[in-house]
Structure formats: structure tokens, C-alpha cells
PDB file of N, CA and C in Angstrom:
ATOM      1  N   MET A   1       3.419  36.038-103.654  1.00  0.00           N
ATOM      2  CA  MET A   1       4.482  36.007-102.673  1.00  0.00           C
ATOM      3  C   MET A   1       3.976  35.523-101.321  1.00  0.00           C
ATOM      4  N   GLY A   2       2.727  35.852-100.992  1.00  0.00           N
ATOM      5  CA  GLY A   2       2.160  35.387 -99.725  1.00  0.00           C
ATOM      6  C   GLY A   2       2.003  33.879 -99.697  1.00  0.00           C
ATOM      7  N   VAL A   3       1.761  33.271-100.836  1.00  0.00           N
ATOM      8  CA  VAL A   3       1.601  31.822-100.910  1.00  0.00           C
ATOM      9  C   VAL A   3       2.919  31.139-100.619  1.00  0.00           C
ATOM     10  N   GLU A   4       4.000  31.706-101.112  1.00  0.00           N
ATOM     11  CA  GLU A   4       5.310  31.120-100.882  1.00  0.00           C
ATOM     12  C   GLU A   4       5.685  31.149 -99.401  1.00  0.00           C
ATOM     13  N   ILE A   5       5.351  32.214 -98.714  1.00  0.00           N
ATOM     14  CA  ILE A   5       5.673  32.318 -97.285  1.00  0.00           C
ATOM     15  C   ILE A   5       4.886  31.280 -96.496  1.00  0.00           C
ATOM     16  N   GLY A   6       3.604  31.091 -96.831  1.00  0.00           N
ATOM     17  CA  GLY A   6       2.779  30.098 -96.146  1.00  0.00           C
ATOM     18  C   GLY A   6       3.283  28.691 -96.383  1.00  0.00           C
ATOM     19  N   SER A   7       3.638  28.380 -97.604  1.00  0.00           N
ATOM     20  CA  SER A   7       4.136  27.038 -97.895  1.00  0.00           C
ATOM     21  C   SER A   7       5.512  26.836 -97.284  1.00  0.00           C
ATOM     22  N   LEU A   8       6.315  27.902 -97.193  1.00  0.00           N
ATOM     23  CA  LEU A   8       7.625  27.810 -96.566  1.00  0.00           C
ATOM     24  C   LEU A   8       7.485  27.521 -95.072  1.00  0.00           C
ATOM     25  N   ALA A   9       6.535  28.174 -94.417  1.00  0.00           N
ATOM     26  CA  ALA A   9       6.306  27.928 -92.987  1.00  0.00           C
ATOM     27  C   ALA A   9       5.833  26.501 -92.763  1.00  0.00           C
ATOM     28  N   TRP A  10       4.987  26.006 -93.643  1.00  0.00           N
ATOM     29  CA  TRP A  10       4.499  24.628 -93.514  1.00  0.00           C
ATOM     30  C   TRP A  10       5.653  23.646 -93.711  1.00  0.00           C
ATOM     31  N   ALA A  11       6.529  23.902 -94.615  1.00  0.00           N
ATOM     32  CA  ALA A  11       7.657  23.017 -94.883  1.00  0.00           C
ATOM     33  C   ALA A  11       8.640  23.006 -93.717  1.00  0.00           C
ATOM     34  N   GLN A  12       8.707  24.073 -92.952  1.00  0.00           N
ATOM     35  CA  GLN A  12       9.631  24.142 -91.836  1.00  0.00           C
ATOM     36  C   GLN A  12       9.036  23.546 -90.557  1.00  0.00           C
ATOM     37  N   GLY A  13       7.867  22.944 -90.634  1.00  0.00           N
ATOM     38  CA  GLY A  13       7.293  22.292 -89.472  1.00  0.00           C
ATOM     39  C   GLY A  13       6.231  23.098 -88.788  1.00  0.00           C
ATOM     40  N   GLY A  14       5.811  24.176 -89.355  1.00  0.00           N
ATOM     41  CA  GLY A  14       4.758  24.973 -88.752  1.00  0.00           C
ATOM     42  C   GLY A  14       3.416  24.340 -89.060  1.00  0.00           C
ATOM     43  N   ALA A  15       2.919  23.478 -88.190  1.00  0.00           N
ATOM     44  CA  ALA A  15       1.642  22.802 -88.402  1.00  0.00           C
ATOM     45  C   ALA A  15       0.513  23.706 -87.927  1.00  0.00           C
ATOM     46  N   PRO A  16      -0.672  23.497 -88.418  1.00  0.00           N
ATOM     47  CA  PRO A  16      -1.811  24.261 -87.914  1.00  0.00           C
ATOM     48  C   PRO A  16      -1.963  24.047 -86.407  1.00  0.00           C
ATOM     49  N   GLU A  17      -2.497  25.017 -85.691  1.00  0.00           N
ATOM     50  CA  GLU A  17      -2.564  24.973 -84.229  1.00  0.00           C
ATOM     51  C   GLU A  17      -3.356  23.786 -83.707  1.00  0.00           C
ATOM     52  N   GLY A  18      -4.433  23.417 -84.351  1.00  0.00           N
ATOM     53  CA  GLY A  18      -5.244  22.287 -83.900  1.00  0.00           C
ATOM     54  C   GLY A  18      -4.467  20.980 -83.954  1.00  0.00           C
ATOM     55  N   ALA A  19      -3.743  20.779 -85.038  1.00  0.00           N
ATOM     56  CA  ALA A  19      -2.967  19.548 -85.184  1.00  0.00           C
ATOM     57  C   ALA A  19      -1.797  19.517 -84.204  1.00  0.00           C
ATOM     58  N   ALA A  20      -1.177  20.655 -83.951  1.00  0.00           N
ATOM     59  CA  ALA A  20      -0.048  20.698 -83.016  1.00  0.00           C
ATOM     60  C   ALA A  20      -0.509  20.338 -81.610  1.00  0.00           C
ATOM     61  N   GLY A  21      -1.681  20.818 -81.206  1.00  0.00           N
ATOM     62  CA  GLY A  21      -2.210  20.482 -79.888  1.00  0.00           C
ATOM     63  C   GLY A  21      -2.515  18.996 -79.770  1.00  0.00           C
ATOM     64  N   LEU A  22      -3.024  18.414 -80.847  1.00  0.00           N
ATOM     65  CA  LEU A  22      -3.341  16.993 -80.854  1.00  0.00           C
ATOM     66  C   LEU A  22      -2.075  16.145 -80.773  1.00  0.00           C
ATOM     67  N   PHE A  23      -1.058  16.518 -81.544  1.00  0.00           N
ATOM     68  CA  PHE A  23       0.183  15.759 -81.537  1.00  0.00           C
ATOM     69  C   PHE A  23       0.911  15.859 -80.198  1.00  0.00           C
ATOM     70  N   SER A  24       0.729  16.934 -79.470  1.00  0.00           N
ATOM     71  CA  SER A  24       1.390  17.050 -78.169  1.00  0.00           C
ATOM     72  C   SER A  24       0.721  16.161 -77.120  1.00  0.00           C
ATOM     73  N   LEU A  25      -0.524  15.753 -77.355  1.00  0.00           N
ATOM     74  CA  LEU A  25      -1.222  14.863 -76.420  1.00  0.00           C
ATOM     75  C   LEU A  25      -0.942  13.392 -76.667  1.00  0.00           C
ATOM     76  N   VAL A  26      -0.461  13.042 -77.826  1.00  0.00           N
ATOM     77  CA  VAL A  26      -0.236  11.639 -78.180  1.00  0.00           C
ATOM     78  C   VAL A  26       0.687  10.928 -77.185  1.00  0.00           C
ATOM     79  N   PRO A  27       1.825  11.494 -76.770  1.00  0.00           N
ATOM     80  CA  PRO A  27       2.673  10.785 -75.799  1.00  0.00           C
ATOM     81  C   PRO A  27       1.954  10.513 -74.468  1.00  0.00           C
ATOM     82  N   PHE A  28       1.154  11.469 -74.013  1.00  0.00           N
ATOM     83  CA  PHE A  28       0.426  11.273 -72.760  1.00  0.00           C
ATOM     84  C   PHE A  28      -0.622  10.173 -72.889  1.00  0.00           C
ATOM     85  N   ILE A  29      -1.281  10.129 -74.020  1.00  0.00           N
ATOM     86  CA  ILE A  29      -2.273   9.086 -74.260  1.00  0.00           C
ATOM     87  C   ILE A  29      -1.599   7.721 -74.305  1.00  0.00           C
ATOM     88  N   LEU A  30      -0.466   7.635 -74.981  1.00  0.00           N
ATOM     89  CA  LEU A  30       0.266   6.364 -75.046  1.00  0.00           C
ATOM     90  C   LEU A  30       0.737   5.917 -73.665  1.00  0.00           C
ATOM     91  N   ILE A  31       1.211   6.845 -72.846  1.00  0.00           N
ATOM     92  CA  ILE A  31       1.642   6.504 -71.481  1.00  0.00           C
ATOM     93  C   ILE A  31       0.463   5.982 -70.673  1.00  0.00           C
ATOM     94  N   PHE A  32      -0.702   6.626 -70.791  1.00  0.00           N
ATOM     95  CA  PHE A  32      -1.887   6.161 -70.066  1.00  0.00           C
ATOM     96  C   PHE A  32      -2.288   4.757 -70.513  1.00  0.00           C
ATOM     97  N   VAL A  33      -2.247   4.496 -71.823  1.00  0.00           N
ATOM     98  CA  VAL A  33      -2.615   3.175 -72.336  1.00  0.00           C
ATOM     99  C   VAL A  33      -1.664   2.111 -71.793  1.00  0.00           C
ATOM    100  N   VAL A  34      -0.372   2.397 -71.774  1.00  0.00           N
ATOM    101  CA  VAL A  34       0.604   1.444 -71.248  1.00  0.00           C
ATOM    102  C   VAL A  34       0.356   1.202 -69.758  1.00  0.00           C
ATOM    103  N   PHE A  35       0.146   2.259 -68.979  1.00  0.00           N
ATOM    104  CA  PHE A  35      -0.145   2.100 -67.553  1.00  0.00           C
ATOM    105  C   PHE A  35      -1.418   1.299 -67.343  1.00  0.00           C
ATOM    106  N   TYR A  36      -2.426   1.534 -68.168  1.00  0.00           N
ATOM    107  CA  TYR A  36      -3.683   0.815 -68.007  1.00  0.00           C
ATOM    108  C   TYR A  36      -3.474  -0.682 -68.177  1.00  0.00           C
ATOM    109  N   PHE A  37      -2.781  -1.083 -69.237  1.00  0.00           N
ATOM    110  CA  PHE A  37      -2.616  -2.507 -69.505  1.00  0.00           C
ATOM    111  C   PHE A  37      -1.583  -3.178 -68.604  1.00  0.00           C
ATOM    112  N   LEU A  38      -0.600  -2.433 -68.116  1.00  0.00           N
ATOM    113  CA  LEU A  38       0.427  -3.043 -67.270  1.00  0.00           C
ATOM    114  C   LEU A  38       0.127  -2.957 -65.780  1.00  0.00           C
ATOM    115  N   LEU A  39      -0.639  -1.961 -65.342  1.00  0.00           N
ATOM    116  CA  LEU A  39      -0.877  -1.775 -63.912  1.00  0.00           C
ATOM    117  C   LEU A  39      -2.346  -1.867 -63.512  1.00  0.00           C
ATOM    118  N   ILE A  40      -3.189  -1.107 -64.148  1.00  0.00           N
ATOM    119  CA  ILE A  40      -4.575  -0.980 -63.704  1.00  0.00           C
ATOM    120  C   ILE A  40      -5.373  -2.250 -63.990  1.00  0.00           C
ATOM    121  N   LEU A  41      -5.337  -2.753 -65.202  1.00  0.00           N
ATOM    122  CA  LEU A  41      -6.115  -3.925 -65.575  1.00  0.00           C
ATOM    123  C   LEU A  41      -5.734  -5.169 -64.769  1.00  0.00           C
ATOM    124  N   PRO A  42      -4.446  -5.500 -64.600  1.00  0.00           N
ATOM    125  CA  PRO A  42      -4.108  -6.662 -63.767  1.00  0.00           C
ATOM    126  C   PRO A  42      -4.567  -6.504 -62.314  1.00  0.00           C
ATOM    127  N   GLN A  43      -4.494  -5.293 -61.771  1.00  0.00           N
ATOM    128  CA  GLN A  43      -4.941  -5.064 -60.396  1.00  0.00           C
ATOM    129  C   GLN A  43      -6.444  -5.267 -60.278  1.00  0.00           C
ATOM    130  N   GLN A  44      -7.211  -4.818 -61.272  1.00  0.00           N
ATOM    131  CA  GLN A  44      -8.652  -5.029 -61.253  1.00  0.00           C
ATOM    132  C   GLN A  44      -8.998  -6.508 -61.329  1.00  0.00           C
ATOM    133  N   ARG A  45      -8.275  -7.256 -62.143  1.00  0.00           N
ATOM    134  CA  ARG A  45      -8.500  -8.702 -62.237  1.00  0.00           C
ATOM    135  C   ARG A  45      -8.196  -9.386 -60.913  1.00  0.00           C
ATOM    136  N   LYS A  46      -7.106  -8.988 -60.279  1.00  0.00           N
ATOM    137  CA  LYS A  46      -6.724  -9.584 -58.995  1.00  0.00           C
ATOM    138  C   LYS A  46      -7.781  -9.294 -57.928  1.00  0.00           C
ATOM    139  N   GLN A  47      -8.301  -8.075 -57.887  1.00  0.00           N
ATOM    140  CA  GLN A  47      -9.348  -7.720 -56.929  1.00  0.00           C
ATOM    141  C   GLN A  47     -10.614  -8.523 -57.181  1.00  0.00           C
ATOM    142  N   LYS A  48     -10.948  -8.729 -58.430  1.00  0.00           N
ATOM    143  CA  LYS A  48     -12.144  -9.504 -58.775  1.00  0.00           C
ATOM    144  C   LYS A  48     -11.975 -10.957 -58.328  1.00  0.00           C
ATOM    145  N   GLN A  49     -10.812 -11.548 -58.557  1.00  0.00           N
ATOM    146  CA  GLN A  49     -10.556 -12.925 -58.136  1.00  0.00           C
ATOM    147  C   GLN A  49     -10.606 -13.048 -56.619  1.00  0.00           C
ATOM    148  N   HIS A  50     -10.059 -12.068 -55.903  1.00  0.00           N
ATOM    149  CA  HIS A  50     -10.055 -12.095 -54.438  1.00  0.00           C
ATOM    150  C   HIS A  50     -11.487 -12.007 -53.910  1.00  0.00           C
ATOM    151  N   LYS A  51     -12.284 -11.120 -54.482  1.00  0.00           N
ATOM    152  CA  LYS A  51     -13.678 -10.977 -54.049  1.00  0.00           C
ATOM    153  C   LYS A  51     -14.457 -12.266 -54.313  1.00  0.00           C
ATOM    154  N   GLU A  52     -14.192 -12.896 -55.451  1.00  0.00           N
ATOM    155  CA  GLU A  52     -14.851 -14.159 -55.780  1.00  0.00           C
ATOM    156  C   GLU A  52     -14.442 -15.261 -54.802  1.00  0.00           C
ATOM    157  N   MET A  53     -13.156 -15.298 -54.435  1.00  0.00           N
ATOM    158  CA  MET A  53     -12.673 -16.287 -53.477  1.00  0.00           C
ATOM    159  C   MET A  53     -13.357 -16.086 -52.125  1.00  0.00           C
ATOM    160  N   LEU A  54     -13.540 -14.831 -51.716  1.00  0.00           N
ATOM    161  CA  LEU A  54     -14.170 -14.549 -50.423  1.00  0.00           C
ATOM    162  C   LEU A  54     -15.630 -14.999 -50.403  1.00  0.00           C
ATOM    163  N   THR A  55     -16.317 -14.892 -51.515  1.00  0.00           N
ATOM    164  CA  THR A  55     -17.720 -15.318 -51.553  1.00  0.00           C
ATOM    165  C   THR A  55     -17.855 -16.833 -51.534  1.00  0.00           C
ATOM    166  N   LYS A  56     -16.841 -17.558 -51.976  1.00  0.00           N
ATOM    167  CA  LYS A  56     -16.903 -19.017 -52.037  1.00  0.00           C
ATOM    168  C   LYS A  56     -16.351 -19.695 -50.782  1.00  0.00           C
ATOM    169  N   LEU A  57     -15.939 -18.925 -49.781  1.00  0.00           N
ATOM    170  CA  LEU A  57     -15.410 -19.528 -48.561  1.00  0.00           C
ATOM    171  C   LEU A  57     -16.477 -20.357 -47.861  1.00  0.00           C
ATOM    172  N   LYS A  58     -16.027 -21.423 -47.197  1.00  0.00           N
ATOM    173  CA  LYS A  58     -16.949 -22.254 -46.439  1.00  0.00           C
ATOM    174  C   LYS A  58     -16.260 -22.744 -45.171  1.00  0.00           C
ATOM    175  N   LYS A  59     -17.061 -23.233 -44.262  1.00  0.00           N
ATOM    176  CA  LYS A  59     -16.552 -23.743 -42.989  1.00  0.00           C
ATOM    177  C   LYS A  59     -15.595 -24.912 -43.261  1.00  0.00           C
ATOM    178  N   GLY A  60     -14.455 -24.879 -42.592  1.00  0.00           N
ATOM    179  CA  GLY A  60     -13.452 -25.930 -42.755  1.00  0.00           C
ATOM    180  C   GLY A  60     -12.337 -25.576 -43.726  1.00  0.00           C
ATOM    181  N   ASP A  61     -12.493 -24.515 -44.500  1.00  0.00           N
ATOM    182  CA  ASP A  61     -11.428 -24.106 -45.426  1.00  0.00           C
ATOM    183  C   ASP A  61     -10.194 -23.692 -44.645  1.00  0.00           C
ATOM    184  N   LYS A  62      -9.043 -24.117 -45.128  1.00  0.00           N
ATOM    185  CA  LYS A  62      -7.777 -23.715 -44.526  1.00  0.00           C
ATOM    186  C   LYS A  62      -7.293 -22.472 -45.260  1.00  0.00           C
ATOM    187  N   ILE A  63      -6.977 -21.441 -44.472  1.00  0.00           N
ATOM    188  CA  ILE A  63      -6.671 -20.142 -45.064  1.00  0.00           C
ATOM    189  C   ILE A  63      -5.386 -19.559 -44.504  1.00  0.00           C
ATOM    190  N   ILE A  64      -4.910 -18.509 -45.163  1.00  0.00           N
ATOM    191  CA  ILE A  64      -3.819 -17.673 -44.676  1.00  0.00           C
ATOM    192  C   ILE A  64      -4.333 -16.240 -44.732  1.00  0.00           C
ATOM    193  N   THR A  65      -4.207 -15.517 -43.623  1.00  0.00           N
ATOM    194  CA  THR A  65      -4.686 -14.136 -43.576  1.00  0.00           C
ATOM    195  C   THR A  65      -3.634 -13.200 -44.165  1.00  0.00           C
ATOM    196  N   SER A  66      -4.024 -11.948 -44.362  1.00  0.00           N
ATOM    197  CA  SER A  66      -3.087 -10.961 -44.882  1.00  0.00           C
ATOM    198  C   SER A  66      -1.978 -10.660 -43.879  1.00  0.00           C
ATOM    199  N   ALA A  67      -2.206 -10.976 -42.605  1.00  0.00           N
ATOM    200  CA  ALA A  67      -1.178 -10.788 -41.575  1.00  0.00           C
ATOM    201  C   ALA A  67      -0.258 -12.001 -41.474  1.00  0.00           C
ATOM    202  N   GLY A  68      -0.550 -13.051 -42.241  1.00  0.00           N
ATOM    203  CA  GLY A  68       0.293 -14.236 -42.238  1.00  0.00           C
ATOM    204  C   GLY A  68      -0.128 -15.299 -41.240  1.00  0.00           C
ATOM    205  N   ILE A  69      -1.309 -15.182 -40.678  1.00  0.00           N
ATOM    206  CA  ILE A  69      -1.790 -16.165 -39.714  1.00  0.00           C
ATOM    207  C   ILE A  69      -2.428 -17.324 -40.474  1.00  0.00           C
ATOM    208  N   TRP A  70      -2.020 -18.544 -40.117  1.00  0.00           N
ATOM    209  CA  TRP A  70      -2.571 -19.743 -40.723  1.00  0.00           C
ATOM    210  C   TRP A  70      -3.675 -20.274 -39.830  1.00  0.00           C
ATOM    211  N   GLY A  71      -4.751 -20.747 -40.423  1.00  0.00           N
ATOM    212  CA  GLY A  71      -5.827 -21.306 -39.633  1.00  0.00           C
ATOM    213  C   GLY A  71      -6.889 -21.955 -40.498  1.00  0.00           C
ATOM    214  N   ALA A  72      -7.944 -22.419 -39.809  1.00  0.00           N
ATOM    215  CA  ALA A  72      -9.075 -23.045 -40.487  1.00  0.00           C
ATOM    216  C   ALA A  72     -10.341 -22.311 -40.076  1.00  0.00           C
ATOM    217  N   ILE A  73     -11.218 -22.102 -41.018  1.00  0.00           N
ATOM    218  CA  ILE A  73     -12.458 -21.376 -40.742  1.00  0.00           C
ATOM    219  C   ILE A  73     -13.407 -22.275 -39.962  1.00  0.00           C
ATOM    220  N   THR A  74     -13.899 -21.760 -38.834  1.00  0.00           N
ATOM    221  CA  THR A  74     -14.871 -22.508 -38.042  1.00  0.00           C
ATOM    222  C   THR A  74     -16.265 -21.889 -38.121  1.00  0.00           C
ATOM    223  N   ARG A  75     -16.338 -20.622 -38.480  1.00  0.00           N
ATOM    224  CA  ARG A  75     -17.640 -19.948 -38.589  1.00  0.00           C
ATOM    225  C   ARG A  75     -17.515 -18.772 -39.566  1.00  0.00           C
ATOM    226  N   LEU A  76     -18.540 -18.601 -40.371  1.00  0.00           N
ATOM    227  CA  LEU A  76     -18.573 -17.489 -41.327  1.00  0.00           C
ATOM    228  C   LEU A  76     -19.816 -16.651 -41.094  1.00  0.00           C
ATOM    229  N   ASP A  77     -19.628 -15.351 -40.995  1.00  0.00           N
ATOM    230  CA  ASP A  77     -20.723 -14.401 -40.954  1.00  0.00           C
ATOM    231  C   ASP A  77     -20.652 -13.559 -42.222  1.00  0.00           C
ATOM    232  N   LYS A  78     -21.535 -12.590 -42.310  1.00  0.00           N
ATOM    233  CA  LYS A  78     -21.571 -11.762 -43.520  1.00  0.00           C
ATOM    234  C   LYS A  78     -20.263 -11.003 -43.725  1.00  0.00           C
ATOM    235  N   GLU A  79     -19.721 -10.418 -42.667  1.00  0.00           N
ATOM    236  CA  GLU A  79     -18.502  -9.615 -42.796  1.00  0.00           C
ATOM    237  C   GLU A  79     -17.312 -10.167 -42.020  1.00  0.00           C
ATOM    238  N   THR A  80     -17.511 -11.188 -41.201  1.00  0.00           N
ATOM    239  CA  THR A  80     -16.429 -11.714 -40.380  1.00  0.00           C
ATOM    240  C   THR A  80     -16.295 -13.214 -40.566  1.00  0.00           C
ATOM    241  N   ALA A  81     -15.162 -13.724 -40.102  1.00  0.00           N
ATOM    242  CA  ALA A  81     -14.911 -15.160 -40.096  1.00  0.00           C
ATOM    243  C   ALA A  81     -14.201 -15.489 -38.791  1.00  0.00           C
ATOM    244  N   THR A  82     -14.558 -16.608 -38.192  1.00  0.00           N
ATOM    245  CA  THR A  82     -13.856 -17.084 -37.007  1.00  0.00           C
ATOM    246  C   THR A  82     -12.880 -18.150 -37.473  1.00  0.00           C
ATOM    247  N   VAL A  83     -11.613 -17.948 -37.139  1.00  0.00           N
ATOM    248  CA  VAL A  83     -10.539 -18.816 -37.608  1.00  0.00           C
ATOM    249  C   VAL A  83      -9.893 -19.495 -36.414  1.00  0.00           C
ATOM    250  N   GLN A  84      -9.783 -20.808 -36.472  1.00  0.00           N
ATOM    251  CA  GLN A  84      -9.096 -21.558 -35.427  1.00  0.00           C
ATOM    252  C   GLN A  84      -7.630 -21.659 -35.817  1.00  0.00           C
ATOM    253  N   VAL A  85      -6.775 -21.082 -34.959  1.00  0.00           N
ATOM    254  CA  VAL A  85      -5.349 -21.053 -35.263  1.00  0.00           C
ATOM    255  C   VAL A  85      -4.561 -22.070 -34.452  1.00  0.00           C
ATOM    256  N   ASP A  86      -5.169 -22.608 -33.393  1.00  0.00           N
ATOM    257  CA  ASP A  86      -4.551 -23.636 -32.557  1.00  0.00           C
ATOM    258  C   ASP A  86      -5.681 -24.474 -31.981  1.00  0.00           C
ATOM    259  N   ASP A  87      -5.345 -25.488 -31.180  1.00  0.00           N
ATOM    260  CA  ASP A  87      -6.375 -26.365 -30.640  1.00  0.00           C
ATOM    261  C   ASP A  87      -7.436 -25.607 -29.856  1.00  0.00           C
ATOM    262  N   ASN A  88      -7.036 -24.669 -29.021  1.00  0.00           N
ATOM    263  CA  ASN A  88      -7.979 -23.935 -28.184  1.00  0.00           C
ATOM    264  C   ASN A  88      -8.024 -22.441 -28.489  1.00  0.00           C
ATOM    265  N   THR A  89      -7.525 -22.026 -29.628  1.00  0.00           N
ATOM    266  CA  THR A  89      -7.448 -20.597 -29.939  1.00  0.00           C
ATOM    267  C   THR A  89      -8.234 -20.290 -31.210  1.00  0.00           C
ATOM    268  N   LYS A  90      -9.224 -19.410 -31.064  1.00  0.00           N
ATOM    269  CA  LYS A  90      -9.998 -18.957 -32.217  1.00  0.00           C
ATOM    270  C   LYS A  90      -9.895 -17.444 -32.292  1.00  0.00           C
ATOM    271  N   VAL A  91      -9.817 -16.934 -33.516  1.00  0.00           N
ATOM    272  CA  VAL A  91      -9.670 -15.502 -33.754  1.00  0.00           C
ATOM    273  C   VAL A  91     -10.777 -15.077 -34.717  1.00  0.00           C
ATOM    274  N   LYS A  92     -11.425 -13.970 -34.401  1.00  0.00           N
ATOM    275  CA  LYS A  92     -12.451 -13.423 -35.292  1.00  0.00           C
ATOM    276  C   LYS A  92     -11.808 -12.325 -36.133  1.00  0.00           C
ATOM    277  N   ILE A  93     -11.912 -12.460 -37.450  1.00  0.00           N
ATOM    278  CA  ILE A  93     -11.294 -11.494 -38.362  1.00  0.00           C
ATOM    279  C   ILE A  93     -12.317 -11.045 -39.402  1.00  0.00           C
ATOM    280  N   GLN A  94     -12.005  -9.954 -40.068  1.00  0.00           N
ATOM    281  CA  GLN A  94     -12.834  -9.510 -41.187  1.00  0.00           C
ATOM    282  C   GLN A  94     -12.544 -10.397 -42.384  1.00  0.00           C
ATOM    283  N   ARG A  95     -13.563 -10.661 -43.172  1.00  0.00           N
ATOM    284  CA  ARG A  95     -13.392 -11.536 -44.337  1.00  0.00           C
ATOM    285  C   ARG A  95     -12.378 -10.977 -45.335  1.00  0.00           C
ATOM    286  N   GLU A  96     -12.317  -9.646 -45.463  1.00  0.00           N
ATOM    287  CA  GLU A  96     -11.385  -9.039 -46.428  1.00  0.00           C
ATOM    288  C   GLU A  96      -9.928  -9.317 -46.091  1.00  0.00           C
ATOM    289  N   ASN A  97      -9.660  -9.680 -44.823  1.00  0.00           N
ATOM    290  CA  ASN A  97      -8.281  -9.937 -44.410  1.00  0.00           C
ATOM    291  C   ASN A  97      -7.831 -11.359 -44.706  1.00  0.00           C
ATOM    292  N   ILE A  98      -8.685 -12.156 -45.306  1.00  0.00           N
ATOM    293  CA  ILE A  98      -8.270 -13.487 -45.738  1.00  0.00           C
ATOM    294  C   ILE A  98      -7.570 -13.324 -47.079  1.00  0.00           C
ATOM    295  N   ALA A  99      -6.284 -13.639 -47.093  1.00  0.00           N
ATOM    296  CA  ALA A  99      -5.491 -13.410 -48.301  1.00  0.00           C
ATOM    297  C   ALA A  99      -5.693 -14.513 -49.336  1.00  0.00           C
ATOM    298  N   ARG A 100      -5.674 -15.770 -48.874  1.00  0.00           N
ATOM    299  CA  ARG A 100      -5.816 -16.866 -49.829  1.00  0.00           C
ATOM    300  C   ARG A 100      -6.124 -18.176 -49.112  1.00  0.00           C
ATOM    301  N   LEU A 101      -6.521 -19.143 -49.882  1.00  0.00           N
ATOM    302  CA  LEU A 101      -6.731 -20.491 -49.364  1.00  0.00           C
ATOM    303  C   LEU A 101      -5.403 -21.226 -49.376  1.00  0.00           C
ATOM    304  N   ARG A 102      -5.217 -22.066 -48.370  1.00  0.00           N
ATOM    305  CA  ARG A 102      -4.003 -22.894 -48.348  1.00  0.00           C
ATOM    306  C   ARG A 102      -4.213 -24.117 -49.198  1.00  0.00           C
ATOM    307  N   THR A 103      -3.150 -24.569 -49.818  1.00  0.00           N
ATOM    308  CA  THR A 103      -3.218 -25.808 -50.587  1.00  0.00           C
ATOM    309  C   THR A 103      -2.910 -26.975 -49.658  1.00  0.00           C
ATOM    310  N   ASP A 104      -3.196 -28.168 -50.104  1.00  0.00           N
ATOM    311  CA  ASP A 104      -2.933 -29.345 -49.285  1.00  0.00           C
ATOM    312  C   ASP A 104      -1.441 -29.557 -49.081  1.00  0.00           C
ATOM    313  N   ASP A 105      -0.622 -29.076 -49.998  1.00  0.00           N
ATOM    314  CA  ASP A 105       0.830 -29.207 -49.875  1.00  0.00           C
ATOM    315  C   ASP A 105       1.408 -28.373 -48.758  1.00  0.00           C
ATOM    316  N   GLU A 106       0.725 -27.281 -48.399  1.00  0.00           N
ATOM    317  CA  GLU A 106       1.252 -26.350 -47.410  1.00  0.00           C
ATOM    318  C   GLU A 106       1.033 -26.826 -45.980  1.00  0.00           C
ATOM    319  N   GLY A 107       0.287 -27.861 -45.785  1.00  0.00           N
ATOM    320  CA  GLY A 107       0.130 -28.423 -44.434  1.00  0.00           C
ATOM    321  C   GLY A 107      -1.005 -27.878 -43.742  1.00  0.00           C
TER     322      GLY A 107
END
């Protein structure tokens, strides 16, 4: 009679405690995997590309800063860049604030 009660509980969805704990974690693991591939991994790739672009900068490159200032690099230091934004106006900025290089189409 004890065997019937145990098999009846199993048939009604009473899983062993170890398996129940594991199955309750599956949705959280799936959510983390989705977030990793949709949010974290693309952001890491973008940061890597930006860092690579900053290392390849050279004098004369036309850039756009993160603040939206357009200019041309006149001097590069280890952590800063001097950007000419007008004929007589130069601005010293941190290299990390250079958002991207301008294309020839952008003027």
C-alpha cells in the first residue's frame, strides 16, 4: 500500500526536491542567456570597437565628439586630444570623448 501512495504522489506532479529546485531555476537561466546575447554581448563588442578606434587615431583625422562637436585632430597625447573646431579655435578633450570618425560625405 505504501508503494501505491508513492507512485500516486509522483503521478500527481510531486517531483523529488532536487529536481523541483532545478526546474524552478530554468526560467531564470533562460532569461539570463537571452539578456546576455541581446544586451551584454553587443555592448561588449561596441566597447571593443570604440577602444580600437581610439588607439588608431592620428593627427588630421576628422572626428565627432560625444558632445556633438565636429573638428579635426591637431595633436594627440596619451589621454587627451587637441581638436581644431574653427580656424582659430582649438579644444583639448579626453580621448574617450571622441565618439567616431567623420566620413568624407559628412563634410
